[in-house]
Amino acid sequence: MFASDRSGSGYDSGLYSADGQWQVDPSDVVTAVLGSSTATYPFVVANAFGFFPGTVKGSLWNLVYAGTRRRYNFAVDLLHVDPGFRADRGICRISC
């Protein structure tokens, strides 16, 4: 689990996530990542980075099923990232 909460000068940011792994059998693994963020940008910060001031919320989830067989490996990776999801300063286990 991960939690981050920052605020100052009208800027607020919260990032919360959890991940887990399940060993289905000796050859198969399921990995999941769930995350949620809320960010409030004052006018000065939003203007400096070229977006609208206000509060932005979003979530993400990533589900991976990976298997190993005698002659090959495989993985199925499902990823969803809301447009409002923010992982300021790159705090995220996957490419956000």
C-alpha atoms as a PDB file:
ATOM      1  CA  MET A   1       0.000   0.000   0.000  1.00  0.00           C
ATOM      2  CA  PHE A   2       1.070   3.539  -0.657  1.00  0.00           C
ATOM      3  CA  ALA A   3      -0.340   6.879   0.501  1.00  0.00           C
ATOM      4  CA  SER A   4       0.877  10.391  -0.190  1.00  0.00           C
ATOM      5  CA  ASP A   5      -0.768  13.658   0.761  1.00  0.00           C
ATOM      6  CA  ARG A   6       0.759  17.058   0.075  1.00  0.00           C
ATOM      7  CA  SER A   7      -0.569  20.593   0.337  1.00  0.00           C
ATOM      8  CA  GLY A   8       0.664  24.136   0.280  1.00  0.00           C
ATOM      9  CA  SER A   9      -0.160  27.548  -1.237  1.00  0.00           C
ATOM     10  CA  GLY A  10      -3.537  26.385  -2.534  1.00  0.00           C
ATOM     11  CA  TYR A  11      -2.148  23.197  -4.063  1.00  0.00           C
ATOM     12  CA  ASP A  12      -3.371  19.873  -2.684  1.00  0.00           C
ATOM     13  CA  SER A  13      -2.476  16.417  -3.909  1.00  0.00           C
ATOM     14  CA  GLY A  14      -3.417  12.967  -2.649  1.00  0.00           C
ATOM     15  CA  LEU A  15      -2.297   9.673  -4.152  1.00  0.00           C
ATOM     16  CA  TYR A  16      -3.354   6.316  -2.746  1.00  0.00           C
ATOM     17  CA  SER A  17      -2.604   2.885  -4.155  1.00  0.00           C
ATOM     18  CA  ALA A  18      -2.456  -0.777  -3.312  1.00  0.00           C
ATOM     19  CA  ASP A  19      -1.004  -3.736  -5.115  1.00  0.00           C
ATOM     20  CA  GLY A  20      -0.960  -7.469  -4.659  1.00  0.00           C
ATOM     21  CA  GLN A  21       0.168 -10.669  -6.220  1.00  0.00           C
ATOM     22  CA  TRP A  22      -1.417 -14.125  -6.275  1.00  0.00           C
ATOM     23  CA  GLN A  23       0.611 -17.203  -7.154  1.00  0.00           C
ATOM     24  CA  VAL A  24      -2.105 -19.258  -8.872  1.00  0.00           C
ATOM     25  CA  ASP A  25       0.211 -22.253  -9.223  1.00  0.00           C
ATOM     26  CA  PRO A  26       3.995 -22.685  -9.631  1.00  0.00           C
ATOM     27  CA  SER A  27       3.808 -21.409 -13.236  1.00  0.00           C
ATOM     28  CA  ASP A  28       1.117 -18.692 -13.150  1.00  0.00           C
ATOM     29  CA  VAL A  29       0.954 -15.332 -11.351  1.00  0.00           C
ATOM     30  CA  VAL A  30      -1.733 -12.633 -11.207  1.00  0.00           C
ATOM     31  CA  THR A  31      -0.630  -9.113 -10.224  1.00  0.00           C
ATOM     32  CA  ALA A  32      -3.002  -6.191  -9.562  1.00  0.00           C
ATOM     33  CA  VAL A  33      -2.428  -2.471  -8.930  1.00  0.00           C
ATOM     34  CA  LEU A  34      -5.237  -0.082  -7.935  1.00  0.00           C
ATOM     35  CA  GLY A  35      -4.784   3.646  -7.476  1.00  0.00           C
ATOM     36  CA  SER A  36      -6.728   6.835  -6.896  1.00  0.00           C
ATOM     37  CA  SER A  37      -5.687  10.480  -6.929  1.00  0.00           C
ATOM     38  CA  THR A  38      -7.101  13.908  -6.220  1.00  0.00           C
ATOM     39  CA  ALA A  39      -5.290  17.140  -7.060  1.00  0.00           C
ATOM     40  CA  THR A  40      -6.376  20.756  -6.553  1.00  0.00           C
ATOM     41  CA  TYR A  41      -4.472  23.337  -8.573  1.00  0.00           C
ATOM     42  CA  PRO A  42      -4.655  27.090  -7.858  1.00  0.00           C
ATOM     43  CA  PHE A  43      -4.741  29.475 -10.826  1.00  0.00           C
ATOM     44  CA  VAL A  44      -1.018  30.308 -10.684  1.00  0.00           C
ATOM     45  CA  VAL A  45       0.080  26.652 -10.785  1.00  0.00           C
ATOM     46  CA  ALA A  46      -2.493  25.657 -13.420  1.00  0.00           C
ATOM     47  CA  ASN A  47      -1.563  28.620 -15.631  1.00  0.00           C
ATOM     48  CA  ALA A  48       2.152  27.797 -15.383  1.00  0.00           C
ATOM     49  CA  PHE A  49       1.539  24.238 -16.628  1.00  0.00           C
ATOM     50  CA  GLY A  50      -1.162  25.061 -19.185  1.00  0.00           C
ATOM     51  CA  PHE A  51      -4.295  23.538 -17.674  1.00  0.00           C
ATOM     52  CA  PHE A  52      -7.456  24.689 -15.888  1.00  0.00           C
ATOM     53  CA  PRO A  53      -7.449  25.487 -12.153  1.00  0.00           C
ATOM     54  CA  GLY A  54      -9.616  23.400  -9.860  1.00  0.00           C
ATOM     55  CA  THR A  55      -9.850  19.841  -8.594  1.00  0.00           C
ATOM     56  CA  VAL A  56      -9.044  16.826 -10.743  1.00  0.00           C
ATOM     57  CA  LYS A  57      -9.825  13.243  -9.689  1.00  0.00           C
ATOM     58  CA  GLY A  58      -8.984   9.961 -11.308  1.00  0.00           C
ATOM     59  CA  SER A  59      -8.169   6.321 -10.822  1.00  0.00           C
ATOM     60  CA  LEU A  60      -6.111   3.592 -12.405  1.00  0.00           C
ATOM     61  CA  TRP A  61      -6.003  -0.161 -12.396  1.00  0.00           C
ATOM     62  CA  ASN A  62      -3.575  -2.637 -13.886  1.00  0.00           C
ATOM     63  CA  LEU A  63      -4.118  -6.381 -14.007  1.00  0.00           C
ATOM     64  CA  VAL A  64      -1.422  -8.753 -15.286  1.00  0.00           C
ATOM     65  CA  TYR A  65      -1.655 -12.506 -15.763  1.00  0.00           C
ATOM     66  CA  ALA A  66       1.743 -14.084 -16.480  1.00  0.00           C
ATOM     67  CA  GLY A  67       2.580 -17.695 -17.116  1.00  0.00           C
ATOM     68  CA  THR A  68       5.646 -19.800 -17.725  1.00  0.00           C
ATOM     69  CA  ARG A  69       5.576 -22.992 -19.724  1.00  0.00           C
ATOM     70  CA  ARG A  70       8.292 -25.389 -20.709  1.00  0.00           C
ATOM     71  CA  ARG A  71       8.944 -23.746 -24.102  1.00  0.00           C
ATOM     72  CA  TYR A  72       7.478 -20.253 -23.786  1.00  0.00           C
ATOM     73  CA  ASN A  73       6.366 -17.444 -21.460  1.00  0.00           C
ATOM     74  CA  PHE A  74       3.288 -15.270 -21.861  1.00  0.00           C
ATOM     75  CA  ALA A  75       1.575 -12.312 -20.228  1.00  0.00           C
ATOM     76  CA  VAL A  76      -1.759 -10.553 -20.559  1.00  0.00           C
ATOM     77  CA  ASP A  77      -1.689  -6.961 -19.334  1.00  0.00           C
ATOM     78  CA  LEU A  78      -4.858  -4.861 -18.885  1.00  0.00           C
ATOM     79  CA  LEU A  79      -4.404  -1.192 -17.978  1.00  0.00           C
ATOM     80  CA  HIS A  80      -6.874   1.628 -17.397  1.00  0.00           C
ATOM     81  CA  VAL A  81      -5.846   5.179 -16.465  1.00  0.00           C
ATOM     82  CA  ASP A  82      -8.490   7.908 -16.109  1.00  0.00           C
ATOM     83  CA  PRO A  83      -7.564  11.217 -17.788  1.00  0.00           C
ATOM     84  CA  GLY A  84      -7.790  12.892 -14.362  1.00  0.00           C
ATOM     85  CA  PHE A  85      -5.355  10.526 -12.654  1.00  0.00           C
ATOM     86  CA  ARG A  86      -2.266  12.347 -11.364  1.00  0.00           C
ATOM     87  CA  ALA A  87       0.915  10.773 -10.046  1.00  0.00           C
ATOM     88  CA  ASP A  88       2.918  13.933  -9.390  1.00  0.00           C
ATOM     89  CA  ARG A  89       6.661  13.408  -9.084  1.00  0.00           C
ATOM     90  CA  GLY A  90       6.404   9.986 -10.789  1.00  0.00           C
ATOM     91  CA  ILE A  91       5.187   8.065  -7.745  1.00  0.00           C
ATOM     92  CA  CYS A  92       3.598   5.086  -9.442  1.00  0.00           C
ATOM     93  CA  ARG A  93       4.682   1.479  -9.974  1.00  0.00           C
ATOM     94  CA  ILE A  94       3.595   1.428 -13.604  1.00  0.00           C
ATOM     95  CA  SER A  95       3.959   3.891 -16.439  1.00  0.00           C
ATOM     96  CA  CYS A  96       1.300   6.452 -15.662  1.00  0.00           C
END
